[in-house]
Amino acid sequence: MPSVYTGTVSLQSFQLALDLAGTFVFALSGAMAGVRRKLDLFGVLVLSFAAANTGGVLRDVLIGAVPPAALESWRYLAVSLLAGVITFYFPSAVKARWNPVLVFDAAGLALFAVAGTRKALVYGLNPVSATLLGMLTGIGGGMVRDVLLADIPVVLRTDLYAVAALLGAAIVAGADLLHLPSWPAAVAGAALCFALRLVAMNRGWGLPVAEADH
């Protein structure tokens, strides 16, 4: 019994750590996007919370984990607001070589893709459904952030976005199907998603684009 309990607690802690890490970096991306658009503090915090939690809320509602963790636990709100406040008052501290919005977005995409897949598997979804739900978890926050700023969502542009999330999620689902350890698979899936997204941004990789008739 103690070993089963310890394993359950460890799995829950692992899921929470993935969720909060994804929440923080997605909140940074939302907040930085708000700072660049010169929003006030409230606007920046709204964007940070929306970007950080929409994907997780969608995931939890779809698998029946209600109320969603982002609304039930104070940790998600606290992490989102902390990232928003840091970005608002110290924007230079979160700037990077690349566009910081896109870099943090790539990190959030990777973390949420694997976290969403992992939670879907825990709730009994099959590997294919869990992979798709992991992708949805990853792209949800970025889509809402872009829509609130009246931008075309990144996922609908030419950069590899949903594809990167799908591949990262597939690593986690495949490892579960083969009964491989969870955390190495999550690390590998997140690393693949993040690396592919950054390389795609740096080299301009993308899917074919529709051309209007002339």
N, C-alpha and C. Protein backbone atom coordinates (compact mmCIF):
# COMPACT_ATOMS: atom_id res chain seq x y z
N MET A 1 0.81 -1.22 0.00
CA MET A 1 0.00 0.00 0.00
C MET A 1 0.84 1.27 0.00
N PRO A 2 1.86 1.40 0.87
CA PRO A 2 2.68 2.60 0.86
C PRO A 2 3.32 2.86 -0.49
N SER A 3 3.77 1.80 -1.17
CA SER A 3 4.43 1.99 -2.45
C SER A 3 3.44 2.50 -3.50
N VAL A 4 2.21 2.00 -3.48
CA VAL A 4 1.19 2.46 -4.41
C VAL A 4 0.87 3.92 -4.14
N TYR A 5 0.72 4.26 -2.86
CA TYR A 5 0.41 5.65 -2.50
C TYR A 5 1.54 6.58 -2.92
N THR A 6 2.77 6.15 -2.68
CA THR A 6 3.91 6.97 -3.05
C THR A 6 3.96 7.18 -4.55
N GLY A 7 3.68 6.13 -5.30
CA GLY A 7 3.67 6.25 -6.75
C GLY A 7 2.60 7.20 -7.24
N THR A 8 1.42 7.16 -6.61
CA THR A 8 0.33 8.05 -6.99
C THR A 8 0.69 9.50 -6.70
N VAL A 9 1.25 9.74 -5.52
CA VAL A 9 1.64 11.11 -5.16
C VAL A 9 2.71 11.62 -6.11
N SER A 10 3.68 10.75 -6.44
CA SER A 10 4.75 11.13 -7.35
C SER A 10 4.20 11.50 -8.72
N LEU A 11 3.24 10.72 -9.23
CA LEU A 11 2.63 11.00 -10.53
C LEU A 11 1.87 12.31 -10.50
N GLN A 12 1.12 12.55 -9.42
CA GLN A 12 0.38 13.80 -9.30
C GLN A 12 1.33 14.99 -9.23
N SER A 13 2.44 14.85 -8.50
CA SER A 13 3.41 15.92 -8.39
C SER A 13 4.06 16.20 -9.74
N PHE A 14 4.34 15.15 -10.50
CA PHE A 14 4.93 15.28 -11.83
C PHE A 14 3.97 16.03 -12.75
N GLN A 15 2.69 15.67 -12.72
CA GLN A 15 1.69 16.34 -13.55
C GLN A 15 1.56 17.80 -13.16
N LEU A 16 1.55 18.09 -11.86
CA LEU A 16 1.43 19.46 -11.39
C LEU A 16 2.64 20.28 -11.81
N ALA A 17 3.82 19.69 -11.72
CA ALA A 17 5.04 20.41 -12.10
C ALA A 17 5.02 20.76 -13.59
N LEU A 18 4.59 19.82 -14.43
CA LEU A 18 4.49 20.09 -15.87
C LEU A 18 3.48 21.21 -16.13
N ASP A 19 2.33 21.12 -15.47
CA ASP A 19 1.28 22.11 -15.66
C ASP A 19 1.74 23.51 -15.26
N LEU A 20 2.36 23.62 -14.10
CA LEU A 20 2.77 24.93 -13.60
C LEU A 20 3.91 25.51 -14.42
N ALA A 21 4.82 24.65 -14.88
CA ALA A 21 5.90 25.13 -15.73
C ALA A 21 5.34 25.67 -17.05
N GLY A 22 4.41 24.93 -17.65
CA GLY A 22 3.77 25.40 -18.87
C GLY A 22 2.97 26.67 -18.64
N THR A 23 2.30 26.74 -17.51
CA THR A 23 1.51 27.93 -17.17
C THR A 23 2.41 29.16 -17.09
N PHE A 24 3.55 29.01 -16.44
CA PHE A 24 4.45 30.17 -16.26
C PHE A 24 5.00 30.68 -17.58
N VAL A 25 5.50 29.79 -18.43
CA VAL A 25 6.10 30.28 -19.67
C VAL A 25 5.05 30.79 -20.65
N PHE A 26 3.87 30.18 -20.68
CA PHE A 26 2.81 30.70 -21.53
C PHE A 26 2.32 32.05 -21.00
N ALA A 27 2.28 32.21 -19.68
CA ALA A 27 1.91 33.50 -19.10
C ALA A 27 2.92 34.57 -19.50
N LEU A 28 4.20 34.22 -19.53
CA LEU A 28 5.22 35.16 -19.98
C LEU A 28 4.98 35.59 -21.42
N SER A 29 4.61 34.62 -22.27
CA SER A 29 4.37 34.96 -23.68
C SER A 29 3.17 35.89 -23.83
N GLY A 30 2.11 35.60 -23.06
CA GLY A 30 0.93 36.47 -23.12
C GLY A 30 1.22 37.86 -22.59
N ALA A 31 1.93 37.92 -21.47
CA ALA A 31 2.26 39.21 -20.87
C ALA A 31 3.17 40.03 -21.77
N MET A 32 4.18 39.38 -22.37
CA MET A 32 5.10 40.11 -23.25
C MET A 32 4.38 40.64 -24.48
N ALA A 33 3.43 39.84 -25.00
CA ALA A 33 2.63 40.32 -26.13
C ALA A 33 1.84 41.55 -25.73
N GLY A 34 1.29 41.55 -24.50
CA GLY A 34 0.55 42.72 -24.03
C GLY A 34 1.44 43.93 -23.83
N VAL A 35 2.64 43.72 -23.31
CA VAL A 35 3.58 44.83 -23.12
C VAL A 35 3.96 45.44 -24.47
N ARG A 36 4.17 44.61 -25.46
CA ARG A 36 4.54 45.10 -26.79
C ARG A 36 3.40 45.90 -27.43
N ARG A 37 2.17 45.58 -27.08
CA ARG A 37 1.02 46.33 -27.58
C ARG A 37 0.68 47.52 -26.68
N LYS A 38 1.51 47.74 -25.65
CA LYS A 38 1.35 48.87 -24.72
C LYS A 38 0.01 48.83 -23.98
N LEU A 39 -0.40 47.63 -23.53
CA LEU A 39 -1.60 47.52 -22.72
C LEU A 39 -1.30 47.97 -21.29
N ASP A 40 -2.36 48.28 -20.54
CA ASP A 40 -2.15 48.64 -19.14
C ASP A 40 -1.95 47.36 -18.32
N LEU A 41 -1.73 47.53 -17.02
CA LEU A 41 -1.42 46.38 -16.16
C LEU A 41 -2.53 45.34 -16.20
N PHE A 42 -3.78 45.80 -16.13
CA PHE A 42 -4.89 44.86 -16.15
C PHE A 42 -4.91 44.07 -17.45
N GLY A 43 -4.71 44.74 -18.57
CA GLY A 43 -4.71 44.07 -19.86
C GLY A 43 -3.61 43.04 -19.97
N VAL A 44 -2.43 43.37 -19.45
CA VAL A 44 -1.30 42.44 -19.47
C VAL A 44 -1.62 41.20 -18.63
N LEU A 45 -2.23 41.41 -17.46
CA LEU A 45 -2.55 40.28 -16.59
C LEU A 45 -3.64 39.40 -17.19
N VAL A 46 -4.62 40.02 -17.87
CA VAL A 46 -5.65 39.23 -18.55
C VAL A 46 -5.03 38.36 -19.62
N LEU A 47 -4.13 38.95 -20.41
CA LEU A 47 -3.48 38.17 -21.46
C LEU A 47 -2.61 37.05 -20.88
N SER A 48 -1.91 37.35 -19.79
CA SER A 48 -1.05 36.33 -19.19
C SER A 48 -1.88 35.16 -18.68
N PHE A 49 -3.02 35.44 -18.05
CA PHE A 49 -3.87 34.36 -17.54
C PHE A 49 -4.52 33.59 -18.68
N ALA A 50 -5.02 34.30 -19.69
CA ALA A 50 -5.69 33.63 -20.80
C ALA A 50 -4.74 32.73 -21.57
N ALA A 51 -3.55 33.24 -21.86
CA ALA A 51 -2.57 32.46 -22.61
C ALA A 51 -2.11 31.24 -21.81
N ALA A 52 -2.01 31.42 -20.49
CA ALA A 52 -1.45 30.36 -19.65
C ALA A 52 -2.44 29.26 -19.32
N ASN A 53 -3.73 29.54 -19.34
CA ASN A 53 -4.68 28.58 -18.78
C ASN A 53 -5.75 28.06 -19.73
N THR A 54 -5.92 28.69 -20.88
CA THR A 54 -6.98 28.25 -21.80
C THR A 54 -6.80 26.81 -22.24
N GLY A 55 -5.58 26.45 -22.63
CA GLY A 55 -5.33 25.09 -23.09
C GLY A 55 -5.63 24.05 -22.02
N GLY A 56 -5.21 24.33 -20.79
CA GLY A 56 -5.46 23.40 -19.69
C GLY A 56 -6.94 23.28 -19.35
N VAL A 57 -7.65 24.40 -19.42
CA VAL A 57 -9.09 24.37 -19.14
C VAL A 57 -9.81 23.53 -20.19
N LEU A 58 -9.47 23.74 -21.46
CA LEU A 58 -10.08 22.94 -22.53
C LEU A 58 -9.82 21.45 -22.31
N ARG A 59 -8.58 21.12 -21.98
CA ARG A 59 -8.22 19.72 -21.74
C ARG A 59 -9.06 19.13 -20.61
N ASP A 60 -9.13 19.83 -19.49
CA ASP A 60 -9.83 19.29 -18.33
C ASP A 60 -11.33 19.13 -18.59
N VAL A 61 -11.91 20.09 -19.30
CA VAL A 61 -13.34 20.00 -19.61
C VAL A 61 -13.61 18.79 -20.51
N LEU A 62 -12.75 18.59 -21.50
CA LEU A 62 -12.96 17.50 -22.46
C LEU A 62 -12.78 16.12 -21.84
N ILE A 63 -11.92 15.99 -20.83
CA ILE A 63 -11.73 14.68 -20.21
C ILE A 63 -12.58 14.50 -18.96
N GLY A 64 -13.36 15.52 -18.61
CA GLY A 64 -14.25 15.42 -17.46
C GLY A 64 -13.59 15.71 -16.13
N ALA A 65 -12.43 16.35 -16.16
CA ALA A 65 -11.76 16.73 -14.91
C ALA A 65 -12.24 18.10 -14.48
N VAL A 66 -13.46 18.14 -13.95
CA VAL A 66 -14.09 19.41 -13.59
C VAL A 66 -14.33 19.49 -12.07
N PRO A 67 -14.23 20.72 -11.52
CA PRO A 67 -13.82 21.95 -12.21
C PRO A 67 -12.38 21.88 -12.66
N PRO A 68 -12.03 22.59 -13.75
CA PRO A 68 -10.66 22.53 -14.26
C PRO A 68 -9.64 22.94 -13.20
N ALA A 69 -8.47 22.33 -13.27
CA ALA A 69 -7.42 22.61 -12.28
C ALA A 69 -7.08 24.09 -12.22
N ALA A 70 -7.09 24.76 -13.38
CA ALA A 70 -6.72 26.18 -13.42
C ALA A 70 -7.70 27.05 -12.66
N LEU A 71 -8.93 26.58 -12.49
CA LEU A 71 -9.95 27.34 -11.76
C LEU A 71 -10.13 26.85 -10.33
N GLU A 72 -9.69 25.63 -10.08
CA GLU A 72 -9.87 25.05 -8.76
C GLU A 72 -8.71 25.36 -7.81
N SER A 73 -7.51 25.43 -8.35
CA SER A 73 -6.32 25.65 -7.53
C SER A 73 -5.81 27.07 -7.66
N TRP A 74 -5.42 27.68 -6.56
CA TRP A 74 -4.90 29.04 -6.56
C TRP A 74 -3.54 29.12 -7.24
N ARG A 75 -2.84 27.99 -7.35
CA ARG A 75 -1.48 28.00 -7.89
C ARG A 75 -1.43 28.54 -9.31
N TYR A 76 -2.40 28.16 -10.13
CA TYR A 76 -2.39 28.56 -11.53
C TYR A 76 -2.59 30.07 -11.67
N LEU A 77 -3.52 30.61 -10.92
CA LEU A 77 -3.73 32.05 -10.94
C LEU A 77 -2.50 32.78 -10.42
N ALA A 78 -1.92 32.28 -9.34
CA ALA A 78 -0.75 32.93 -8.75
C ALA A 78 0.43 32.93 -9.72
N VAL A 79 0.68 31.79 -10.35
CA VAL A 79 1.79 31.69 -11.29
C VAL A 79 1.57 32.61 -12.49
N SER A 80 0.33 32.65 -12.99
CA SER A 80 0.01 33.51 -14.14
C SER A 80 0.20 34.98 -13.80
N LEU A 81 -0.31 35.39 -12.64
CA LEU A 81 -0.19 36.79 -12.25
C LEU A 81 1.26 37.17 -11.95
N LEU A 82 2.00 36.26 -11.35
CA LEU A 82 3.42 36.52 -11.07
C LEU A 82 4.18 36.77 -12.37
N ALA A 83 3.96 35.91 -13.36
CA ALA A 83 4.62 36.10 -14.65
C ALA A 83 4.20 37.42 -15.29
N GLY A 84 2.91 37.76 -15.18
CA GLY A 84 2.43 39.00 -15.76
C GLY A 84 3.03 40.23 -15.10
N VAL A 85 3.12 40.22 -13.78
CA VAL A 85 3.68 41.36 -13.05
C VAL A 85 5.17 41.51 -13.36
N ILE A 86 5.90 40.40 -13.37
CA ILE A 86 7.33 40.46 -13.68
C ILE A 86 7.55 41.05 -15.07
N THR A 87 6.77 40.59 -16.02
CA THR A 87 6.93 41.06 -17.40
C THR A 87 6.54 42.53 -17.53
N PHE A 88 5.49 42.95 -16.83
CA PHE A 88 5.02 44.33 -16.94
C PHE A 88 6.05 45.30 -16.38
N TYR A 89 6.60 44.99 -15.22
CA TYR A 89 7.52 45.91 -14.56
C TYR A 89 8.98 45.72 -14.97
N PHE A 90 9.33 44.54 -15.45
CA PHE A 90 10.72 44.28 -15.83
C PHE A 90 10.77 43.61 -17.21
N PRO A 91 10.24 44.27 -18.24
CA PRO A 91 10.19 43.62 -19.56
C PRO A 91 11.56 43.25 -20.10
N SER A 92 12.57 44.04 -19.78
CA SER A 92 13.91 43.74 -20.29
C SER A 92 14.46 42.44 -19.71
N ALA A 93 13.95 42.05 -18.54
CA ALA A 93 14.45 40.84 -17.88
C ALA A 93 14.00 39.57 -18.59
N VAL A 94 12.97 39.66 -19.43
CA VAL A 94 12.47 38.47 -20.11
C VAL A 94 12.71 38.51 -21.62
N LYS A 95 13.50 39.50 -22.06
CA LYS A 95 13.80 39.56 -23.48
C LYS A 95 14.90 38.57 -23.83
N ALA A 96 14.87 38.07 -25.04
CA ALA A 96 15.86 37.08 -25.48
C ALA A 96 16.35 37.44 -26.87
N ARG A 97 17.22 36.59 -27.39
CA ARG A 97 17.79 36.84 -28.72
C ARG A 97 16.70 36.81 -29.79
N TRP A 98 15.82 35.81 -29.69
CA TRP A 98 14.69 35.76 -30.60
C TRP A 98 13.53 36.57 -30.02
N ASN A 99 12.47 36.67 -30.80
CA ASN A 99 11.24 37.28 -30.30
C ASN A 99 10.83 36.55 -29.03
N PRO A 100 10.85 37.23 -27.86
CA PRO A 100 10.54 36.53 -26.61
C PRO A 100 9.15 35.94 -26.56
N VAL A 101 8.19 36.58 -27.22
CA VAL A 101 6.84 36.03 -27.24
C VAL A 101 6.87 34.63 -27.86
N LEU A 102 7.57 34.50 -28.98
CA LEU A 102 7.60 33.23 -29.69
C LEU A 102 8.45 32.18 -28.97
N VAL A 103 9.52 32.61 -28.31
CA VAL A 103 10.35 31.66 -27.58
C VAL A 103 9.59 31.09 -26.38
N PHE A 104 8.97 31.97 -25.59
CA PHE A 104 8.19 31.49 -24.45
C PHE A 104 6.98 30.70 -24.92
N ASP A 105 6.41 31.10 -26.05
CA ASP A 105 5.29 30.36 -26.61
C ASP A 105 5.72 28.95 -26.99
N ALA A 106 6.92 28.82 -27.56
CA ALA A 106 7.43 27.50 -27.93
C ALA A 106 7.64 26.63 -26.69
N ALA A 107 8.15 27.23 -25.62
CA ALA A 107 8.34 26.49 -24.37
C ALA A 107 7.01 26.05 -23.78
N GLY A 108 6.04 26.97 -23.79
CA GLY A 108 4.71 26.62 -23.28
C GLY A 108 4.04 25.56 -24.12
N LEU A 109 4.21 25.68 -25.42
CA LEU A 109 3.65 24.68 -26.34
C LEU A 109 4.19 23.29 -26.01
N ALA A 110 5.50 23.20 -25.80
CA ALA A 110 6.14 21.91 -25.52
C ALA A 110 5.67 21.34 -24.18
N LEU A 111 5.67 22.16 -23.16
CA LEU A 111 5.29 21.67 -21.83
C LEU A 111 3.82 21.27 -21.77
N PHE A 112 2.95 22.07 -22.36
CA PHE A 112 1.53 21.76 -22.31
C PHE A 112 1.17 20.58 -23.21
N ALA A 113 1.89 20.41 -24.31
CA ALA A 113 1.61 19.26 -25.18
C ALA A 113 1.85 17.95 -24.43
N VAL A 114 2.98 17.88 -23.71
CA VAL A 114 3.27 16.64 -22.98
C VAL A 114 2.40 16.51 -21.73
N ALA A 115 2.14 17.65 -21.05
CA ALA A 115 1.30 17.60 -19.85
C ALA A 115 -0.13 17.20 -20.21
N GLY A 116 -0.64 17.76 -21.31
CA GLY A 116 -1.99 17.42 -21.73
C GLY A 116 -2.13 15.96 -22.11
N THR A 117 -1.13 15.44 -22.80
CA THR A 117 -1.14 14.04 -23.18
C THR A 117 -1.07 13.14 -21.96
N ARG A 118 -0.18 13.49 -21.03
CA ARG A 118 0.00 12.69 -19.82
C ARG A 118 -1.30 12.64 -19.01
N LYS A 119 -1.98 13.76 -18.86
CA LYS A 119 -3.21 13.78 -18.07
C LYS A 119 -4.32 13.02 -18.78
N ALA A 120 -4.38 13.14 -20.10
CA ALA A 120 -5.38 12.40 -20.86
C ALA A 120 -5.19 10.89 -20.71
N LEU A 121 -3.95 10.46 -20.69
CA LEU A 121 -3.67 9.03 -20.50
C LEU A 121 -4.08 8.57 -19.10
N VAL A 122 -3.80 9.41 -18.11
CA VAL A 122 -4.19 9.09 -16.73
C VAL A 122 -5.70 8.93 -16.63
N TYR A 123 -6.44 9.72 -17.40
CA TYR A 123 -7.90 9.64 -17.36
C TYR A 123 -8.47 8.57 -18.29
N GLY A 124 -7.60 7.75 -18.84
CA GLY A 124 -8.07 6.57 -19.57
C GLY A 124 -8.27 6.72 -21.05
N LEU A 125 -7.84 7.83 -21.66
CA LEU A 125 -7.98 7.97 -23.10
C LEU A 125 -6.97 7.08 -23.81
N ASN A 126 -7.33 6.64 -25.02
CA ASN A 126 -6.40 5.83 -25.80
C ASN A 126 -5.27 6.72 -26.33
N PRO A 127 -4.17 6.12 -26.77
CA PRO A 127 -3.01 6.92 -27.18
C PRO A 127 -3.28 7.94 -28.28
N VAL A 128 -4.11 7.58 -29.25
CA VAL A 128 -4.41 8.51 -30.35
C VAL A 128 -5.18 9.72 -29.83
N SER A 129 -6.23 9.46 -29.05
CA SER A 129 -7.02 10.56 -28.50
C SER A 129 -6.19 11.41 -27.55
N ALA A 130 -5.33 10.76 -26.75
CA ALA A 130 -4.48 11.50 -25.82
C ALA A 130 -3.50 12.40 -26.57
N THR A 131 -2.98 11.91 -27.69
CA THR A 131 -2.06 12.72 -28.51
C THR A 131 -2.76 13.95 -29.05
N LEU A 132 -3.97 13.77 -29.58
CA LEU A 132 -4.72 14.91 -30.12
C LEU A 132 -5.07 15.91 -29.02
N LEU A 133 -5.43 15.40 -27.85
CA LEU A 133 -5.77 16.29 -26.75
C LEU A 133 -4.53 17.02 -26.25
N GLY A 134 -3.38 16.35 -26.28
CA GLY A 134 -2.14 17.02 -25.91
C GLY A 134 -1.83 18.17 -26.85
N MET A 135 -2.04 17.95 -28.14
CA MET A 135 -1.84 19.02 -29.12
C MET A 135 -2.78 20.18 -28.85
N LEU A 136 -4.05 19.89 -28.58
CA LEU A 136 -5.02 20.93 -28.30
C LEU A 136 -4.64 21.72 -27.04
N THR A 137 -4.16 21.02 -26.03
CA THR A 137 -3.73 21.69 -24.81
C THR A 137 -2.60 22.66 -25.12
N GLY A 138 -1.69 22.24 -25.99
CA GLY A 138 -0.55 23.08 -26.32
C GLY A 138 -0.91 24.32 -27.12
N ILE A 139 -1.83 24.19 -28.08
CA ILE A 139 -2.10 25.32 -28.98
C ILE A 139 -3.20 26.25 -28.46
N GLY A 140 -3.97 25.81 -27.45
CA GLY A 140 -5.12 26.59 -27.01
C GLY A 140 -4.78 27.97 -26.47
N GLY A 141 -3.78 28.04 -25.60
CA GLY A 141 -3.44 29.33 -24.98
C GLY A 141 -2.91 30.33 -25.99
N GLY A 142 -2.06 29.88 -26.89
CA GLY A 142 -1.51 30.79 -27.90
C GLY A 142 -2.58 31.31 -28.84
N MET A 143 -3.54 30.46 -29.17
CA MET A 143 -4.63 30.89 -30.05
C MET A 143 -5.46 31.99 -29.40
N VAL A 144 -5.81 31.81 -28.13
CA VAL A 144 -6.62 32.82 -27.43
C VAL A 144 -5.84 34.12 -27.28
N ARG A 145 -4.55 34.02 -26.95
CA ARG A 145 -3.72 35.22 -26.84
C ARG A 145 -3.74 36.02 -28.14
N ASP A 146 -3.55 35.34 -29.28
CA ASP A 146 -3.51 36.01 -30.56
C ASP A 146 -4.87 36.59 -30.94
N VAL A 147 -5.94 35.85 -30.65
CA VAL A 147 -7.28 36.34 -30.96
C VAL A 147 -7.60 37.60 -30.16
N LEU A 148 -7.24 37.61 -28.88
CA LEU A 148 -7.49 38.79 -28.05
C LEU A 148 -6.73 40.02 -28.55
N LEU A 149 -5.61 39.79 -29.23
CA LEU A 149 -4.82 40.90 -29.79
C LEU A 149 -5.15 41.15 -31.26
N ALA A 150 -6.21 40.50 -31.75
CA ALA A 150 -6.67 40.66 -33.13
C ALA A 150 -5.60 40.25 -34.14
N ASP A 151 -4.80 39.22 -33.80
CA ASP A 151 -3.81 38.66 -34.70
C ASP A 151 -4.32 37.33 -35.25
N ILE A 152 -3.78 36.92 -36.41
CA ILE A 152 -4.05 35.58 -36.90
C ILE A 152 -3.29 34.62 -36.00
N PRO A 153 -3.95 33.64 -35.39
CA PRO A 153 -3.25 32.70 -34.50
C PRO A 153 -2.04 32.06 -35.17
N VAL A 154 -0.97 31.90 -34.40
CA VAL A 154 0.26 31.31 -34.93
C VAL A 154 0.00 29.95 -35.55
N VAL A 155 -0.92 29.19 -34.93
CA VAL A 155 -1.18 27.82 -35.41
C VAL A 155 -1.72 27.81 -36.83
N LEU A 156 -2.29 28.92 -37.30
CA LEU A 156 -2.86 28.99 -38.64
C LEU A 156 -1.89 29.57 -39.65
N ARG A 157 -0.71 29.95 -39.21
CA ARG A 157 0.29 30.51 -40.12
C ARG A 157 1.18 29.39 -40.65
N THR A 158 2.27 29.78 -41.32
CA THR A 158 3.09 28.79 -42.02
C THR A 158 4.05 28.05 -41.09
N ASP A 159 4.44 28.63 -39.95
CA ASP A 159 5.41 27.98 -39.07
C ASP A 159 4.86 26.65 -38.55
N LEU A 160 5.77 25.70 -38.33
CA LEU A 160 5.38 24.42 -37.74
C LEU A 160 5.02 24.65 -36.28
N TYR A 161 3.76 24.53 -35.95
CA TYR A 161 3.28 24.83 -34.60
C TYR A 161 2.51 23.64 -34.06
N ALA A 162 1.34 23.40 -34.63
CA ALA A 162 0.55 22.25 -34.21
C ALA A 162 1.29 20.95 -34.49
N VAL A 163 2.06 20.93 -35.58
CA VAL A 163 2.81 19.71 -35.93
C VAL A 163 3.84 19.41 -34.86
N ALA A 164 4.52 20.44 -34.37
CA ALA A 164 5.52 20.25 -33.31
C ALA A 164 4.85 19.72 -32.05
N ALA A 165 3.70 20.29 -31.69
CA ALA A 165 2.97 19.83 -30.51
C ALA A 165 2.51 18.38 -30.69
N LEU A 166 2.06 18.06 -31.89
CA LEU A 166 1.58 16.70 -32.17
C LEU A 166 2.70 15.68 -32.02
N LEU A 167 3.89 16.01 -32.51
CA LEU A 167 5.01 15.08 -32.40
C LEU A 167 5.46 14.91 -30.95
N GLY A 168 5.51 16.02 -30.21
CA GLY A 168 5.87 15.92 -28.80
C GLY A 168 4.88 15.09 -28.01
N ALA A 169 3.59 15.29 -28.30
CA ALA A 169 2.55 14.52 -27.63
C ALA A 169 2.63 13.04 -28.00
N ALA A 170 2.96 12.76 -29.26
CA ALA A 170 3.04 11.38 -29.73
C ALA A 170 4.16 10.61 -29.02
N ILE A 171 5.24 11.29 -28.68
CA ILE A 171 6.33 10.65 -27.94
C ILE A 171 5.82 10.14 -26.59
N VAL A 172 5.05 10.98 -25.90
CA VAL A 172 4.52 10.61 -24.58
C VAL A 172 3.52 9.46 -24.70
N ALA A 173 2.62 9.56 -25.67
CA ALA A 173 1.62 8.52 -25.85
C ALA A 173 2.26 7.20 -26.27
N GLY A 174 3.26 7.28 -27.15
CA GLY A 174 3.94 6.07 -27.59
C GLY A 174 4.68 5.38 -26.45
N ALA A 175 5.32 6.18 -25.61
CA ALA A 175 6.04 5.61 -24.46
C ALA A 175 5.07 4.91 -23.51
N ASP A 176 3.90 5.51 -23.32
CA ASP A 176 2.90 4.89 -22.45
C ASP A 176 2.42 3.57 -23.05
N LEU A 177 2.24 3.55 -24.36
CA LEU A 177 1.79 2.33 -25.05
C LEU A 177 2.81 1.22 -24.90
N LEU A 178 4.09 1.60 -24.86
CA LEU A 178 5.17 0.61 -24.73
C LEU A 178 5.58 0.38 -23.28
N HIS A 179 4.83 1.00 -22.35
CA HIS A 179 5.08 0.86 -20.91
C HIS A 179 6.48 1.33 -20.52
N LEU A 180 6.92 2.43 -21.12
CA LEU A 180 8.20 3.04 -20.78
C LEU A 180 8.00 4.09 -19.69
N PRO A 181 9.04 4.46 -18.96
CA PRO A 181 8.91 5.44 -17.86
C PRO A 181 8.33 6.77 -18.35
N SER A 182 7.53 7.40 -17.50
CA SER A 182 6.80 8.61 -17.90
C SER A 182 7.69 9.83 -18.05
N TRP A 183 8.53 10.09 -17.03
CA TRP A 183 9.23 11.37 -17.05
C TRP A 183 10.29 11.48 -18.16
N PRO A 184 11.05 10.40 -18.48
CA PRO A 184 11.97 10.54 -19.62
C PRO A 184 11.23 10.79 -20.93
N ALA A 185 10.07 10.15 -21.08
CA ALA A 185 9.28 10.36 -22.29
C ALA A 185 8.77 11.80 -22.37
N ALA A 186 8.35 12.34 -21.22
CA ALA A 186 7.88 13.72 -21.19
C ALA A 186 9.00 14.70 -21.54
N VAL A 187 10.18 14.44 -20.99
CA VAL A 187 11.34 15.30 -21.30
C VAL A 187 11.69 15.21 -22.78
N ALA A 188 11.70 14.00 -23.32
CA ALA A 188 12.03 13.82 -24.73
C ALA A 188 10.98 14.48 -25.63
N GLY A 189 9.71 14.31 -25.29
CA GLY A 189 8.65 14.90 -26.09
C GLY A 189 8.69 16.42 -26.06
N ALA A 190 8.90 16.99 -24.88
CA ALA A 190 8.97 18.44 -24.76
C ALA A 190 10.19 19.00 -25.49
N ALA A 191 11.32 18.30 -25.37
CA ALA A 191 12.54 18.76 -26.04
C ALA A 191 12.38 18.73 -27.56
N LEU A 192 11.76 17.66 -28.07
CA LEU A 192 11.54 17.56 -29.52
C LEU A 192 10.63 18.68 -30.01
N CYS A 193 9.54 18.90 -29.30
CA CYS A 193 8.58 19.94 -29.69
C CYS A 193 9.24 21.32 -29.66
N PHE A 194 9.95 21.62 -28.58
CA PHE A 194 10.60 22.93 -28.42
C PHE A 194 11.67 23.14 -29.49
N ALA A 195 12.50 22.13 -29.70
CA ALA A 195 13.58 22.26 -30.68
C ALA A 195 13.03 22.42 -32.09
N LEU A 196 12.03 21.63 -32.43
CA LEU A 196 11.45 21.72 -33.77
C LEU A 196 10.82 23.09 -34.00
N ARG A 197 10.16 23.61 -32.99
CA ARG A 197 9.53 24.93 -33.11
C ARG A 197 10.58 26.02 -33.31
N LEU A 198 11.66 25.98 -32.53
CA LEU A 198 12.71 26.99 -32.66
C LEU A 198 13.41 26.90 -34.01
N VAL A 199 13.71 25.68 -34.45
CA VAL A 199 14.38 25.52 -35.74
C VAL A 199 13.47 26.00 -36.87
N ALA A 200 12.18 25.70 -36.77
CA ALA A 200 11.22 26.14 -37.78
C ALA A 200 11.17 27.67 -37.85
N MET A 201 11.19 28.32 -36.68
CA MET A 201 11.19 29.79 -36.67
C MET A 201 12.48 30.35 -37.26
N ASN A 202 13.60 29.73 -36.90
CA ASN A 202 14.90 30.24 -37.31
C ASN A 202 15.16 30.05 -38.80
N ARG A 203 14.65 28.93 -39.34
CA ARG A 203 14.92 28.61 -40.74
C ARG A 203 13.74 28.83 -41.67
N GLY A 204 12.64 29.27 -41.09
CA GLY A 204 11.47 29.55 -41.91
C GLY A 204 10.76 28.32 -42.44
N TRP A 205 10.89 27.20 -41.72
CA TRP A 205 10.19 25.99 -42.14
C TRP A 205 8.69 26.16 -41.94
N GLY A 206 7.94 25.56 -42.81
CA GLY A 206 6.49 25.64 -42.66
C GLY A 206 5.78 24.72 -43.61
N LEU A 207 4.48 24.61 -43.44
CA LEU A 207 3.66 23.80 -44.33
C LEU A 207 3.28 24.61 -45.57
N PRO A 208 2.83 23.95 -46.63
CA PRO A 208 2.41 24.68 -47.83
C PRO A 208 1.30 25.68 -47.50
N VAL A 209 1.35 26.82 -48.18
CA VAL A 209 0.38 27.89 -47.94
C VAL A 209 -0.60 27.96 -49.10
N ALA A 210 -1.88 28.15 -48.75
CA ALA A 210 -2.90 28.26 -49.80
C ALA A 210 -2.67 29.54 -50.62
N GLU A 211 -2.85 29.42 -51.92
CA GLU A 211 -2.68 30.56 -52.81
C GLU A 211 -4.02 30.94 -53.40
N ALA A 212 -4.33 32.21 -53.34
CA ALA A 212 -5.59 32.69 -53.89
C ALA A 212 -5.53 32.68 -55.42
N ASP A 213 -6.68 32.43 -56.04
CA ASP A 213 -6.72 32.45 -57.52
C ASP A 213 -6.51 33.86 -58.01
N HIS A 214 -5.82 33.96 -59.11
CA HIS A 214 -5.58 35.29 -59.72
C HIS A 214 -6.54 35.48 -60.89
